[in-house]
Amino acid sequence: MVRAVHIVVWLLVLLIALVAPTSELLPVATATILGLLLFVLGFAIFAWAVAYLRTASLGVVAPVTEELVMVAAYRLVRHPQYLGIVVALVGLTVALRSLWALAATLVLFVPVSICRAKLEERAVARRFGALWDDYVSRTKFLIPGIY
């Protein structure tokens, strides 16, 4: 259910970005360059995370791997996939110059992503126990060094 909500909110943000541009956001060239840089950065973070999870990243909440992934992007945050998606989506909304879509990203998409990540954390905690607890004590949830 949470996966479906996550996808629907993502599509809603994209729709808003396409149909509700706001010229006040930034000049076209600046918005395009900044937005594309953020999009590429976010996509790179996402791809880096997926490369280490492989098929375990196919939309399931419960862990399907035999070992806890704690390397690469997962050394920095517990949910680099969501970090990457959020950064890419922010970049896309900036590139398309839509304050409404940027607001929808922050008000709708980020909370849904956090909710889904917390569900995943509960499932992973059940599976890996003390190893998970130790990992949580050493890493941030979503933003390196901050949260």
C-alpha atoms as a PDB file:
ATOM      1  CA  MET A   1       0.000   0.000   0.000  1.00  0.00           C
ATOM      2  CA  VAL A   2       2.750   2.450   0.954  1.00  0.00           C
ATOM      3  CA  ARG A   3       4.561   1.659  -2.290  1.00  0.00           C
ATOM      4  CA  ALA A   4       1.451   2.569  -4.290  1.00  0.00           C
ATOM      5  CA  VAL A   5       1.022   5.839  -2.359  1.00  0.00           C
ATOM      6  CA  HIS A   6       4.709   6.621  -2.900  1.00  0.00           C
ATOM      7  CA  ILE A   7       4.366   6.121  -6.656  1.00  0.00           C
ATOM      8  CA  VAL A   8       1.109   8.093  -6.878  1.00  0.00           C
ATOM      9  CA  VAL A   9       2.592  11.059  -4.981  1.00  0.00           C
ATOM     10  CA  TRP A  10       5.701  10.932  -7.205  1.00  0.00           C
ATOM     11  CA  LEU A  11       3.497  11.017 -10.308  1.00  0.00           C
ATOM     12  CA  LEU A  12       1.413  13.831  -8.809  1.00  0.00           C
ATOM     13  CA  VAL A  13       4.552  15.938  -8.258  1.00  0.00           C
ATOM     14  CA  LEU A  14       5.603  15.323 -11.860  1.00  0.00           C
ATOM     15  CA  LEU A  15       2.156  16.280 -13.119  1.00  0.00           C
ATOM     16  CA  ILE A  16       2.171  19.480 -11.063  1.00  0.00           C
ATOM     17  CA  ALA A  17       5.643  20.324 -12.374  1.00  0.00           C
ATOM     18  CA  LEU A  18       4.457  19.941 -15.950  1.00  0.00           C
ATOM     19  CA  VAL A  19       1.164  21.813 -15.677  1.00  0.00           C
ATOM     20  CA  ALA A  20       1.995  24.481 -13.099  1.00  0.00           C
ATOM     21  CA  PRO A  21       5.274  26.232 -13.855  1.00  0.00           C
ATOM     22  CA  THR A  22       5.975  29.445 -11.959  1.00  0.00           C
ATOM     23  CA  SER A  23       8.150  31.977 -13.694  1.00  0.00           C
ATOM     24  CA  GLU A  24       9.146  33.565 -10.380  1.00  0.00           C
ATOM     25  CA  LEU A  25      11.269  30.616  -9.295  1.00  0.00           C
ATOM     26  CA  LEU A  26      14.490  31.378 -11.194  1.00  0.00           C
ATOM     27  CA  PRO A  27      15.533  32.621 -14.614  1.00  0.00           C
ATOM     28  CA  VAL A  28      15.155  29.855 -17.215  1.00  0.00           C
ATOM     29  CA  ALA A  29      18.863  29.215 -17.768  1.00  0.00           C
ATOM     30  CA  THR A  30      19.672  29.169 -14.060  1.00  0.00           C
ATOM     31  CA  ALA A  31      16.740  26.915 -13.221  1.00  0.00           C
ATOM     32  CA  THR A  32      17.578  24.533 -16.037  1.00  0.00           C
ATOM     33  CA  ILE A  33      21.259  24.207 -15.146  1.00  0.00           C
ATOM     34  CA  LEU A  34      20.713  23.996 -11.377  1.00  0.00           C
ATOM     35  CA  GLY A  35      17.773  21.635 -11.776  1.00  0.00           C
ATOM     36  CA  LEU A  36      19.627  19.309 -14.124  1.00  0.00           C
ATOM     37  CA  LEU A  37      22.668  19.248 -11.843  1.00  0.00           C
ATOM     38  CA  LEU A  38      20.466  18.313  -8.877  1.00  0.00           C
ATOM     39  CA  PHE A  39      18.624  15.724 -10.959  1.00  0.00           C
ATOM     40  CA  VAL A  40      21.878  14.089 -12.088  1.00  0.00           C
ATOM     41  CA  LEU A  41      23.265  14.164  -8.534  1.00  0.00           C
ATOM     42  CA  GLY A  42      20.094  12.593  -7.158  1.00  0.00           C
ATOM     43  CA  PHE A  43      20.004   9.951  -9.857  1.00  0.00           C
ATOM     44  CA  ALA A  44      23.672   9.136  -9.213  1.00  0.00           C
ATOM     45  CA  ILE A  45      23.019   8.704  -5.479  1.00  0.00           C
ATOM     46  CA  PHE A  46      20.034   6.487  -6.258  1.00  0.00           C
ATOM     47  CA  ALA A  47      22.001   4.379  -8.760  1.00  0.00           C
ATOM     48  CA  TRP A  48      24.918   4.051  -6.307  1.00  0.00           C
ATOM     49  CA  ALA A  49      22.551   2.709  -3.648  1.00  0.00           C
ATOM     50  CA  VAL A  50      20.737   0.348  -6.021  1.00  0.00           C
ATOM     51  CA  ALA A  51      24.070  -1.039  -7.250  1.00  0.00           C
ATOM     52  CA  TYR A  52      24.686  -2.422  -3.763  1.00  0.00           C
ATOM     53  CA  LEU A  53      21.179  -3.718  -3.131  1.00  0.00           C
ATOM     54  CA  ARG A  54      20.663  -5.164  -6.620  1.00  0.00           C
ATOM     55  CA  THR A  55      17.391  -7.111  -6.760  1.00  0.00           C
ATOM     56  CA  ALA A  56      16.651  -6.334  -3.108  1.00  0.00           C
ATOM     57  CA  SER A  57      15.725  -2.828  -4.239  1.00  0.00           C
ATOM     58  CA  LEU A  58      12.710  -3.883  -6.267  1.00  0.00           C
ATOM     59  CA  GLY A  59      10.063  -2.145  -4.199  1.00  0.00           C
ATOM     60  CA  VAL A  60       9.654  -4.452  -1.230  1.00  0.00           C
ATOM     61  CA  VAL A  61       9.587  -3.264   2.359  1.00  0.00           C
ATOM     62  CA  ALA A  62      10.830  -6.480   3.987  1.00  0.00           C
ATOM     63  CA  PRO A  63      14.535  -7.260   3.509  1.00  0.00           C
ATOM     64  CA  VAL A  64      15.292  -9.999   0.997  1.00  0.00           C
ATOM     65  CA  THR A  65      19.076 -10.070   1.404  1.00  0.00           C
ATOM     66  CA  GLU A  66      20.987 -12.430   3.655  1.00  0.00           C
ATOM     67  CA  GLU A  67      23.292  -9.699   4.899  1.00  0.00           C
ATOM     68  CA  LEU A  68      22.834  -6.109   5.956  1.00  0.00           C
ATOM     69  CA  VAL A  69      24.280  -3.689   3.396  1.00  0.00           C
ATOM     70  CA  MET A  70      26.467  -1.172   5.228  1.00  0.00           C
ATOM     71  CA  VAL A  71      28.954  -0.153   2.518  1.00  0.00           C
ATOM     72  CA  ALA A  72      29.199   2.575  -0.119  1.00  0.00           C
ATOM     73  CA  ALA A  73      26.291   5.030   0.177  1.00  0.00           C
ATOM     74  CA  TYR A  74      24.924   2.985   3.090  1.00  0.00           C
ATOM     75  CA  ARG A  75      27.951   4.017   5.185  1.00  0.00           C
ATOM     76  CA  LEU A  76      26.653   7.594   5.047  1.00  0.00           C
ATOM     77  CA  VAL A  77      22.889   7.174   5.460  1.00  0.00           C
ATOM     78  CA  ARG A  78      20.470   4.310   5.957  1.00  0.00           C
ATOM     79  CA  HIS A  79      18.256   5.315   3.029  1.00  0.00           C
ATOM     80  CA  PRO A  80      20.374   6.615   0.162  1.00  0.00           C
ATOM     81  CA  GLN A  81      17.784   5.479  -2.392  1.00  0.00           C
ATOM     82  CA  TYR A  82      15.216   7.862  -0.945  1.00  0.00           C
ATOM     83  CA  LEU A  83      17.803  10.625  -0.617  1.00  0.00           C
ATOM     84  CA  GLY A  84      18.618  10.204  -4.302  1.00  0.00           C
ATOM     85  CA  ILE A  85      14.984  10.186  -5.369  1.00  0.00           C
ATOM     86  CA  VAL A  86      14.208  13.326  -3.350  1.00  0.00           C
ATOM     87  CA  VAL A  87      17.255  15.212  -4.676  1.00  0.00           C
ATOM     88  CA  ALA A  88      16.413  14.167  -8.257  1.00  0.00           C
ATOM     89  CA  LEU A  89      12.777  15.193  -7.840  1.00  0.00           C
ATOM     90  CA  VAL A  90      13.761  18.563  -6.369  1.00  0.00           C
ATOM     91  CA  GLY A  91      16.090  19.021  -9.329  1.00  0.00           C
ATOM     92  CA  LEU A  92      13.327  18.196 -11.766  1.00  0.00           C
ATOM     93  CA  THR A  93      10.910  20.655 -10.153  1.00  0.00           C
ATOM     94  CA  VAL A  94      13.572  23.369 -10.220  1.00  0.00           C
ATOM     95  CA  ALA A  95      14.444  22.635 -13.866  1.00  0.00           C
ATOM     96  CA  LEU A  96      10.757  22.846 -14.757  1.00  0.00           C
ATOM     97  CA  ARG A  97      10.469  26.040 -12.665  1.00  0.00           C
ATOM     98  CA  SER A  98       7.503  24.937 -10.592  1.00  0.00           C
ATOM     99  CA  LEU A  99       7.233  26.240  -7.045  1.00  0.00           C
ATOM    100  CA  TRP A 100       4.023  24.235  -6.678  1.00  0.00           C
ATOM    101  CA  ALA A 101       5.787  20.985  -7.535  1.00  0.00           C
ATOM    102  CA  LEU A 102       8.707  21.868  -5.269  1.00  0.00           C
ATOM    103  CA  ALA A 103       6.225  22.469  -2.442  1.00  0.00           C
ATOM    104  CA  ALA A 104       4.450  19.185  -3.230  1.00  0.00           C
ATOM    105  CA  THR A 105       7.793  17.407  -3.107  1.00  0.00           C
ATOM    106  CA  LEU A 106       8.580  18.803   0.330  1.00  0.00           C
ATOM    107  CA  VAL A 107       5.072  18.567   1.790  1.00  0.00           C
ATOM    108  CA  LEU A 108       3.871  15.296   0.226  1.00  0.00           C
ATOM    109  CA  PHE A 109       6.683  13.243  -1.274  1.00  0.00           C
ATOM    110  CA  VAL A 110       9.278  13.624   1.490  1.00  0.00           C
ATOM    111  CA  PRO A 111       6.878  12.592   4.300  1.00  0.00           C
ATOM    112  CA  VAL A 112       5.637   9.585   2.290  1.00  0.00           C
ATOM    113  CA  SER A 113       9.256   8.592   1.625  1.00  0.00           C
ATOM    114  CA  ILE A 114      10.087   8.888   5.329  1.00  0.00           C
ATOM    115  CA  CYS A 115       7.030   6.811   6.233  1.00  0.00           C
ATOM    116  CA  ARG A 116       8.045   4.089   3.801  1.00  0.00           C
ATOM    117  CA  ALA A 117      11.653   4.164   5.041  1.00  0.00           C
ATOM    118  CA  LYS A 118      10.483   3.791   8.646  1.00  0.00           C
ATOM    119  CA  LEU A 119       8.410   0.751   7.674  1.00  0.00           C
ATOM    120  CA  GLU A 120      11.486  -0.719   6.027  1.00  0.00           C
ATOM    121  CA  GLU A 121      13.529  -0.003   9.140  1.00  0.00           C
ATOM    122  CA  ARG A 122      11.106  -1.932  11.328  1.00  0.00           C
ATOM    123  CA  ALA A 123      11.305  -4.937   9.022  1.00  0.00           C
ATOM    124  CA  VAL A 124      15.110  -4.762   8.824  1.00  0.00           C
ATOM    125  CA  ALA A 125      15.375  -4.409  12.612  1.00  0.00           C
ATOM    126  CA  ARG A 126      13.342  -7.599  13.056  1.00  0.00           C
ATOM    127  CA  ARG A 127      15.576  -9.428  10.585  1.00  0.00           C
ATOM    128  CA  PHE A 128      19.014  -8.243  11.746  1.00  0.00           C
ATOM    129  CA  GLY A 129      18.476  -7.354  15.425  1.00  0.00           C
ATOM    130  CA  ALA A 130      21.610  -6.145  17.240  1.00  0.00           C
ATOM    131  CA  LEU A 131      23.546  -5.715  13.999  1.00  0.00           C
ATOM    132  CA  TRP A 132      20.866  -3.268  12.835  1.00  0.00           C
ATOM    133  CA  ASP A 133      20.895  -1.432  16.173  1.00  0.00           C
ATOM    134  CA  ASP A 134      24.662  -0.949  15.907  1.00  0.00           C
ATOM    135  CA  TYR A 135      24.325   0.277  12.316  1.00  0.00           C
ATOM    136  CA  VAL A 136      21.593   2.758  13.322  1.00  0.00           C
ATOM    137  CA  SER A 137      23.831   4.148  16.069  1.00  0.00           C
ATOM    138  CA  ARG A 138      26.550   4.896  13.471  1.00  0.00           C
ATOM    139  CA  THR A 139      24.501   6.332  10.588  1.00  0.00           C
ATOM    140  CA  LYS A 140      21.981   9.049   9.901  1.00  0.00           C
ATOM    141  CA  PHE A 141      18.518   8.299   8.561  1.00  0.00           C
ATOM    142  CA  LEU A 142      18.431  10.305   5.314  1.00  0.00           C
ATOM    143  CA  ILE A 143      20.814  13.287   5.222  1.00  0.00           C
ATOM    144  CA  PRO A 144      24.521  12.665   5.919  1.00  0.00           C
ATOM    145  CA  GLY A 145      25.633  14.280   9.164  1.00  0.00           C
ATOM    146  CA  ILE A 146      22.240  15.906   9.793  1.00  0.00           C
ATOM    147  CA  TYR A 147      19.222  13.553   9.926  1.00  0.00           C
END
